[in-house]
Amino acid sequence: MAASQQALAERKQDDRRRGWQIFAVWFVLVVITDYLVWFVWGPHMPPGTMTNTAAAQQFDFKVLTAMVVPVLFMVWIYGGYVLINFRAKPGDRGDGVVITGNRKVQGIWYVASTVMVLFLAWFGTFELISNNGIGTGGGPSPIWKPNVKSPLVIQVIAQQWRFTYRWPQFGGMETTSLDLPANTTVKFDVTSLDVIHDFWAYQLGVKADANPGVNNVAYTTTTSQLGRFTVRCDELCGIWHGAMYNYGHVVSRSAFYSWAHQMQVQNAGVTKLLPPFSLTYTPSYSGAGGGYYPSYDPNGSTQTY
C-alpha cells in the first residue's frame, strides 16, 4: 500500500515536472514569435497603410496573429512532446498508462478560451464602429460614418468587364482612371450596370459589392503615403472576370486637383452626353463609361479619356 502511494506521488511529481517543461518551451517560443509577428512581420502585412482602413486591417491582422500563436504552439508543442516521450517501444503490447482528468488544467483551458472568444467579439465590434465599417460597403445608408462634412465623392460604376468612375463634385464627369488625393476622406458610391460585381481596392482596404440598382457606400481616408493601388472585381461576373481590373494612384493634393480640373475640361463634351448623375443606374445605360463594351472582348471599343 505504501509502495503504491509512493509510486503515485512520484508520478504526480513527474507529471508536474513535464508540465513545467512544456510550459517553459511554449512560453519562450511564444514570446519570440509574437515579437517577430508584431515588430518584424506586422509592418509588412497586407493591405498596408495607404489609408486608415488599410492600416486598421493590418492592425487587426497583427492582433489576431499574435493571439493565434500561443494556441498553435500549445497544440504543436504538446503534441510533439507526447509523440516523442510517450511512444510505445518496439514489441511493447502492454496497456498504456491510465490517465485521469486534471481539473486545474481543464479549468484554465475553459477560462482562457472563454476570455479569448469574448475578447474577439468585443474587439471585432469595436473595430467596425471606430473605423466606420473598416472599408466595407455599408449599403445605401451606412450605420457608421466618418465625422467629415465634405468628403471626396466618387461613384464606382461596374459593368462587364470594366470599372469606371464618376465625379459629381467635378461636373459629373466620368473617367476610366482613379486618382486620389493624399490625406483626404473619400466616399465611394458603388453600383453596377448589369450583373453583380465587387469593387476591391486592395491596398486601400476597401471592398464593396457592386449590385445593379443598389448604391453601396464605403468610406476610407488616404494617408500621406503616395503610390499605386490595384482595383479588382472580386465577384465572379462572367467569362472575362479575370480581366476586370485596373490601377489607381494616391497622389499629392495639388497633383490631384490639377488632374481633376484638367479632366473636367477635357471631358466636358462627353459628360453632357452621359445620363444625369444618379446613385444607381439601370442596365439600359449600357454606355455609362462613354462607350459600348462588346461581350466577347473586355478590351474592345471604348472611349478613353
Protein backbone atom coordinates (compact mmCIF):
# COMPACT_ATOMS: atom_id res chain seq x y z
CA MET A 1 0.00 0.00 0.00
CA ALA A 2 2.79 2.38 0.97
CA ALA A 3 4.70 1.46 -2.17
CA SER A 4 1.72 2.24 -4.40
CA GLN A 5 1.19 5.59 -2.69
CA GLN A 6 4.85 6.43 -3.12
CA ALA A 7 4.67 5.45 -6.80
CA LEU A 8 1.58 7.65 -7.24
CA ALA A 9 3.34 10.58 -5.56
CA GLU A 10 6.39 10.14 -7.76
CA ARG A 11 4.18 10.01 -10.84
CA LYS A 12 2.43 13.24 -9.88
CA GLN A 13 5.78 14.90 -9.29
CA ASP A 14 6.99 13.65 -12.67
CA ASP A 15 3.82 14.98 -14.34
CA ARG A 16 4.38 18.40 -12.79
CA ARG A 17 7.97 18.40 -13.98
CA ARG A 18 6.88 17.51 -17.52
CA GLY A 19 4.17 20.16 -17.40
CA TRP A 20 6.65 22.88 -16.42
CA GLN A 21 9.00 21.74 -19.15
CA ILE A 22 6.24 22.05 -21.74
CA PHE A 23 5.22 25.45 -20.36
CA ALA A 24 8.79 26.77 -20.41
CA VAL A 25 9.34 25.77 -24.05
CA TRP A 26 5.91 27.14 -25.00
CA PHE A 27 6.46 30.46 -23.22
CA VAL A 28 9.86 31.14 -24.77
CA LEU A 29 8.70 30.30 -28.30
CA VAL A 30 5.52 32.38 -27.95
CA VAL A 31 7.42 35.45 -26.72
CA ILE A 32 9.95 35.24 -29.54
CA THR A 33 7.36 34.53 -32.26
CA ASP A 34 4.91 37.21 -31.13
CA TYR A 35 7.76 39.73 -31.06
CA LEU A 36 8.64 38.82 -34.65
CA VAL A 37 4.96 38.92 -35.69
CA TRP A 38 4.35 42.36 -34.22
CA PHE A 39 7.58 44.22 -34.94
CA VAL A 40 9.14 42.43 -37.92
CA TRP A 41 6.36 40.87 -39.98
CA GLY A 42 3.49 43.11 -38.81
CA PRO A 43 4.53 46.35 -40.56
CA HIS A 44 4.62 44.45 -43.87
CA MET A 45 1.28 42.68 -43.53
CA PRO A 46 -1.31 43.38 -46.23
CA PRO A 47 -3.07 45.54 -47.14
CA GLY A 48 -0.53 48.10 -45.92
CA THR A 49 -1.00 51.61 -44.56
CA MET A 50 -2.03 53.65 -47.60
CA THR A 51 -5.38 54.50 -45.93
CA ASN A 52 -6.78 54.45 -42.43
CA THR A 53 -8.93 51.43 -43.28
CA ALA A 54 -5.93 49.54 -44.64
CA ALA A 55 -3.90 50.42 -41.54
CA ALA A 56 -6.78 49.31 -39.30
CA GLN A 57 -7.00 45.99 -41.13
CA GLN A 58 -3.26 45.50 -40.81
CA PHE A 59 -3.55 46.18 -37.07
CA ASP A 60 -6.37 43.64 -36.80
CA PHE A 61 -4.29 41.02 -38.59
CA LYS A 62 -1.42 41.66 -36.20
CA VAL A 63 -3.67 41.25 -33.16
CA LEU A 64 -5.29 38.08 -34.49
CA THR A 65 -1.97 36.54 -35.48
CA ALA A 66 -0.45 37.38 -32.09
CA MET A 67 -3.43 35.67 -30.42
CA VAL A 68 -3.26 32.61 -32.66
CA VAL A 69 0.44 31.99 -31.95
CA PRO A 70 0.00 30.83 -28.30
CA VAL A 71 -2.80 28.43 -29.24
CA LEU A 72 -0.92 26.93 -32.17
CA PHE A 73 2.29 26.48 -30.20
CA MET A 74 0.46 24.86 -27.32
CA VAL A 75 -1.07 22.29 -29.67
CA TRP A 76 2.17 21.72 -31.59
CA ILE A 77 4.49 21.55 -28.57
CA TYR A 78 2.24 19.32 -26.50
CA GLY A 79 1.56 17.07 -29.49
CA GLY A 80 5.25 16.83 -30.30
CA TYR A 81 6.14 16.15 -26.65
CA VAL A 82 3.62 13.33 -26.49
CA LEU A 83 4.87 11.77 -29.73
CA ILE A 84 8.48 11.85 -28.54
CA ASN A 85 8.07 10.82 -24.88
CA PHE A 86 5.09 8.51 -24.88
CA ARG A 87 5.69 6.34 -27.91
CA ALA A 88 5.31 2.63 -27.45
CA LYS A 89 8.62 0.86 -27.74
CA PRO A 90 9.04 -1.84 -30.39
CA GLY A 91 7.40 -5.03 -29.22
CA ASP A 92 5.54 -3.35 -26.34
CA ARG A 93 1.94 -4.56 -26.44
CA GLY A 94 1.02 -3.74 -22.88
CA ASP A 95 -1.73 -1.40 -21.78
CA GLY A 96 -1.00 2.30 -21.71
CA VAL A 97 -0.85 4.38 -18.57
CA VAL A 98 -4.26 5.16 -17.12
CA ILE A 99 -4.81 8.92 -17.47
CA THR A 100 -7.40 10.79 -15.47
CA GLY A 101 -8.68 14.32 -15.94
CA ASN A 102 -6.94 17.30 -14.40
CA ARG A 103 -9.44 19.83 -13.16
CA LYS A 104 -6.91 22.63 -12.88
CA VAL A 105 -5.74 22.24 -16.47
CA GLN A 106 -9.31 21.87 -17.72
CA GLY A 107 -10.40 24.94 -15.76
CA ILE A 108 -7.55 27.04 -17.13
CA TRP A 109 -8.40 25.95 -20.68
CA TYR A 110 -12.11 26.75 -20.26
CA VAL A 111 -11.42 30.16 -18.77
CA ALA A 112 -8.73 31.08 -21.31
CA SER A 113 -10.82 30.04 -24.33
CA THR A 114 -13.91 31.85 -22.98
CA VAL A 115 -11.95 35.05 -22.36
CA MET A 116 -10.41 34.84 -25.84
CA VAL A 117 -13.74 34.37 -27.60
CA LEU A 118 -15.41 37.21 -25.67
CA PHE A 119 -12.44 39.49 -26.34
CA LEU A 120 -12.57 38.77 -30.07
CA ALA A 121 -16.32 39.51 -30.15
CA TRP A 122 -15.73 42.85 -28.42
CA PHE A 123 -12.64 43.65 -30.48
CA GLY A 124 -14.34 42.97 -33.82
CA THR A 125 -17.35 45.11 -32.92
CA PHE A 126 -15.17 47.95 -31.62
CA GLU A 127 -13.02 47.96 -34.75
CA LEU A 128 -16.06 48.10 -37.05
CA ILE A 129 -17.56 51.04 -35.16
CA SER A 130 -14.37 53.03 -34.55
CA ASN A 131 -13.21 52.62 -38.17
CA ASN A 132 -16.55 53.42 -39.83
CA GLY A 133 -17.16 49.91 -41.11
CA ILE A 134 -13.41 49.42 -41.78
CA GLY A 135 -13.65 49.79 -45.55
CA THR A 136 -16.61 47.52 -46.25
CA GLY A 137 -19.75 48.53 -48.09
CA GLY A 138 -22.42 49.63 -45.65
CA GLY A 139 -25.35 49.76 -48.05
CA PRO A 140 -27.10 52.97 -49.13
CA SER A 141 -27.28 54.24 -45.52
CA PRO A 142 -24.20 53.16 -43.55
CA ILE A 143 -24.56 52.94 -39.79
CA TRP A 144 -21.05 54.25 -39.15
CA LYS A 145 -19.82 57.33 -40.99
CA PRO A 146 -16.68 59.44 -40.59
CA ASN A 147 -17.19 62.82 -38.98
CA VAL A 148 -16.33 64.77 -42.13
CA LYS A 149 -18.59 67.39 -43.66
CA SER A 150 -17.45 67.25 -47.28
CA PRO A 151 -15.68 64.04 -48.28
CA LEU A 152 -14.47 63.50 -51.82
CA VAL A 153 -17.31 61.61 -53.53
CA ILE A 154 -16.51 59.04 -56.20
CA GLN A 155 -19.08 56.81 -57.84
CA VAL A 156 -17.70 53.43 -58.84
CA ILE A 157 -19.64 52.03 -61.81
CA ALA A 158 -19.03 48.35 -62.53
CA GLN A 159 -20.04 46.60 -65.73
CA GLN A 160 -18.87 43.66 -67.77
CA TRP A 161 -15.93 43.98 -67.66
CA ARG A 162 -14.65 47.37 -66.53
CA PHE A 163 -14.73 49.86 -63.72
CA THR A 164 -15.40 53.49 -64.50
CA TYR A 165 -15.52 56.37 -62.03
CA ARG A 166 -17.90 59.29 -61.91
CA TRP A 167 -17.10 62.52 -60.09
CA PRO A 168 -20.22 64.51 -59.08
CA GLN A 169 -18.10 67.25 -57.49
CA PHE A 170 -16.35 67.82 -60.81
CA GLY A 171 -19.33 68.36 -63.07
CA GLY A 172 -20.40 64.71 -63.14
CA MET A 173 -17.51 63.72 -65.39
CA GLU A 174 -16.62 60.07 -65.77
CA THR A 175 -13.12 58.63 -66.13
CA THR A 176 -11.51 55.26 -66.58
CA SER A 177 -8.73 56.11 -64.13
CA LEU A 178 -8.88 56.60 -60.36
CA ASP A 179 -6.55 59.13 -58.74
CA LEU A 180 -6.98 60.06 -55.09
CA PRO A 181 -5.50 62.96 -53.11
CA ALA A 182 -3.42 62.22 -50.02
CA ASN A 183 -4.82 62.91 -46.53
CA THR A 184 -8.41 63.02 -47.77
CA THR A 185 -11.60 61.26 -46.70
CA VAL A 186 -13.21 59.52 -49.67
CA LYS A 187 -16.78 58.30 -50.05
CA PHE A 188 -17.25 55.54 -52.62
CA ASP A 189 -20.77 55.07 -54.03
CA VAL A 190 -20.53 51.62 -55.60
CA THR A 191 -23.08 50.35 -58.11
CA SER A 192 -23.37 48.16 -61.22
CA LEU A 193 -24.90 48.41 -64.66
CA ASP A 194 -25.52 44.74 -65.36
CA VAL A 195 -24.62 41.84 -63.05
CA ILE A 196 -23.18 41.58 -59.55
CA HIS A 197 -19.56 42.72 -59.33
CA ASP A 198 -17.32 43.63 -56.41
CA PHE A 199 -15.10 46.71 -56.10
CA TRP A 200 -11.92 45.69 -54.30
CA ALA A 201 -9.25 48.36 -53.98
CA TYR A 202 -6.75 46.09 -52.32
CA GLN A 203 -4.12 48.45 -50.92
CA LEU A 204 -6.83 50.92 -49.85
CA GLY A 205 -8.51 48.33 -47.66
CA VAL A 206 -11.83 48.96 -49.43
CA LYS A 207 -14.12 46.18 -50.61
CA ALA A 208 -17.77 46.67 -51.54
CA ASP A 209 -20.24 44.67 -53.63
CA ALA A 210 -21.47 46.37 -56.80
CA ASN A 211 -25.09 45.38 -57.32
CA PRO A 212 -27.34 46.67 -60.12
CA GLY A 213 -29.91 49.15 -58.86
CA VAL A 214 -28.19 49.47 -55.46
CA ASN A 215 -25.88 52.11 -54.02
CA ASN A 216 -23.31 50.53 -51.69
CA VAL A 217 -21.34 53.12 -49.70
CA ALA A 218 -17.81 52.66 -48.36
CA TYR A 219 -15.51 55.17 -46.70
CA THR A 220 -11.76 55.47 -46.37
CA THR A 221 -9.22 58.19 -45.63
CA THR A 222 -5.95 58.28 -47.51
CA THR A 223 -2.72 58.88 -45.61
CA SER A 224 0.39 60.76 -46.70
CA GLN A 225 1.71 57.58 -48.34
CA LEU A 226 1.71 58.01 -52.11
CA GLY A 227 1.76 55.21 -54.65
CA ARG A 228 -0.17 52.85 -56.88
CA PHE A 229 -3.00 50.56 -55.80
CA THR A 230 -4.85 47.76 -57.56
CA VAL A 231 -8.59 47.63 -58.24
CA ARG A 232 -10.09 44.23 -58.98
CA CYS A 233 -13.51 42.69 -59.34
CA ASP A 234 -13.84 40.14 -56.56
CA GLU A 235 -17.17 38.61 -57.61
CA LEU A 236 -17.39 36.10 -60.46
CA CYS A 237 -19.19 38.12 -63.12
CA GLY A 238 -18.69 36.32 -66.42
CA ILE A 239 -16.12 34.94 -68.79
CA TRP A 240 -13.81 37.99 -68.59
CA HIS A 241 -13.99 38.35 -64.81
CA GLY A 242 -10.25 37.77 -64.50
CA ALA A 243 -9.54 40.68 -66.85
CA MET A 244 -11.66 43.13 -64.86
CA TYR A 245 -9.04 45.17 -63.06
CA ASN A 246 -7.19 48.44 -63.30
CA TYR A 247 -4.86 50.59 -61.22
CA GLY A 248 -5.21 53.81 -59.31
CA HIS A 249 -2.82 56.21 -57.59
CA VAL A 250 -2.69 58.20 -54.40
CA VAL A 251 -1.05 61.50 -55.32
CA SER A 252 -0.45 64.83 -53.63
CA ARG A 253 -3.46 67.11 -53.21
CA SER A 254 -2.07 69.67 -55.65
CA ALA A 255 -1.43 66.99 -58.28
CA PHE A 256 -4.91 65.56 -57.80
CA TYR A 257 -6.79 68.84 -58.19
CA SER A 258 -4.70 69.75 -61.20
CA TRP A 259 -5.56 66.39 -62.77
CA ALA A 260 -9.24 66.58 -61.83
CA HIS A 261 -9.81 70.08 -63.23
CA GLN A 262 -7.93 69.19 -66.40
CA MET A 263 -10.04 66.06 -66.86
CA GLN A 264 -13.23 68.02 -66.20
CA VAL A 265 -12.40 70.44 -69.01
CA GLN A 266 -11.30 67.72 -71.42
CA ASN A 267 -14.39 65.59 -70.75
CA ALA A 268 -16.95 68.40 -70.89
CA GLY A 269 -18.12 67.41 -74.36
CA VAL A 270 -18.59 63.77 -73.35
CA THR A 271 -20.01 64.48 -69.88
CA LYS A 272 -23.07 66.27 -71.31
CA LEU A 273 -23.92 63.12 -73.29
CA LEU A 274 -23.96 60.90 -70.22
CA PRO A 275 -27.19 60.16 -68.38
CA PRO A 276 -27.84 62.53 -65.47
CA PHE A 277 -25.87 61.67 -62.36
CA SER A 278 -27.68 59.17 -60.21
CA LEU A 279 -26.64 56.94 -57.33
CA THR A 280 -27.90 53.94 -59.28
CA TYR A 281 -28.40 53.10 -62.93
CA THR A 282 -30.38 50.54 -64.85
CA PRO A 283 -28.89 48.12 -67.40
CA SER A 284 -30.39 50.26 -70.16
CA TYR A 285 -27.45 52.64 -69.72
CA SER A 286 -25.08 50.23 -71.43
CA GLY A 287 -22.72 53.02 -72.38
CA ALA A 288 -22.10 54.52 -68.93
CA GLY A 289 -18.38 54.56 -69.49
CA GLY A 290 -18.71 56.61 -72.65
CA GLY A 291 -18.64 53.60 -74.98
CA TYR A 292 -20.05 50.14 -75.61
CA TYR A 293 -18.10 47.13 -74.41
CA PRO A 294 -18.66 44.08 -76.64
CA SER A 295 -19.49 40.93 -74.66
CA TYR A 296 -16.73 38.99 -76.35
CA ASP A 297 -13.85 41.35 -75.61
CA PRO A 298 -13.15 43.30 -72.38
CA ASN A 299 -10.63 45.45 -74.21
CA GLY A 300 -12.81 46.31 -77.18
CA SER A 301 -14.29 49.56 -78.39
CA THR A 302 -14.35 52.24 -75.68
CA GLN A 303 -13.90 55.94 -75.36
CA THR A 304 -10.79 56.71 -73.37
CA TYR A 305 -10.46 60.00 -71.58
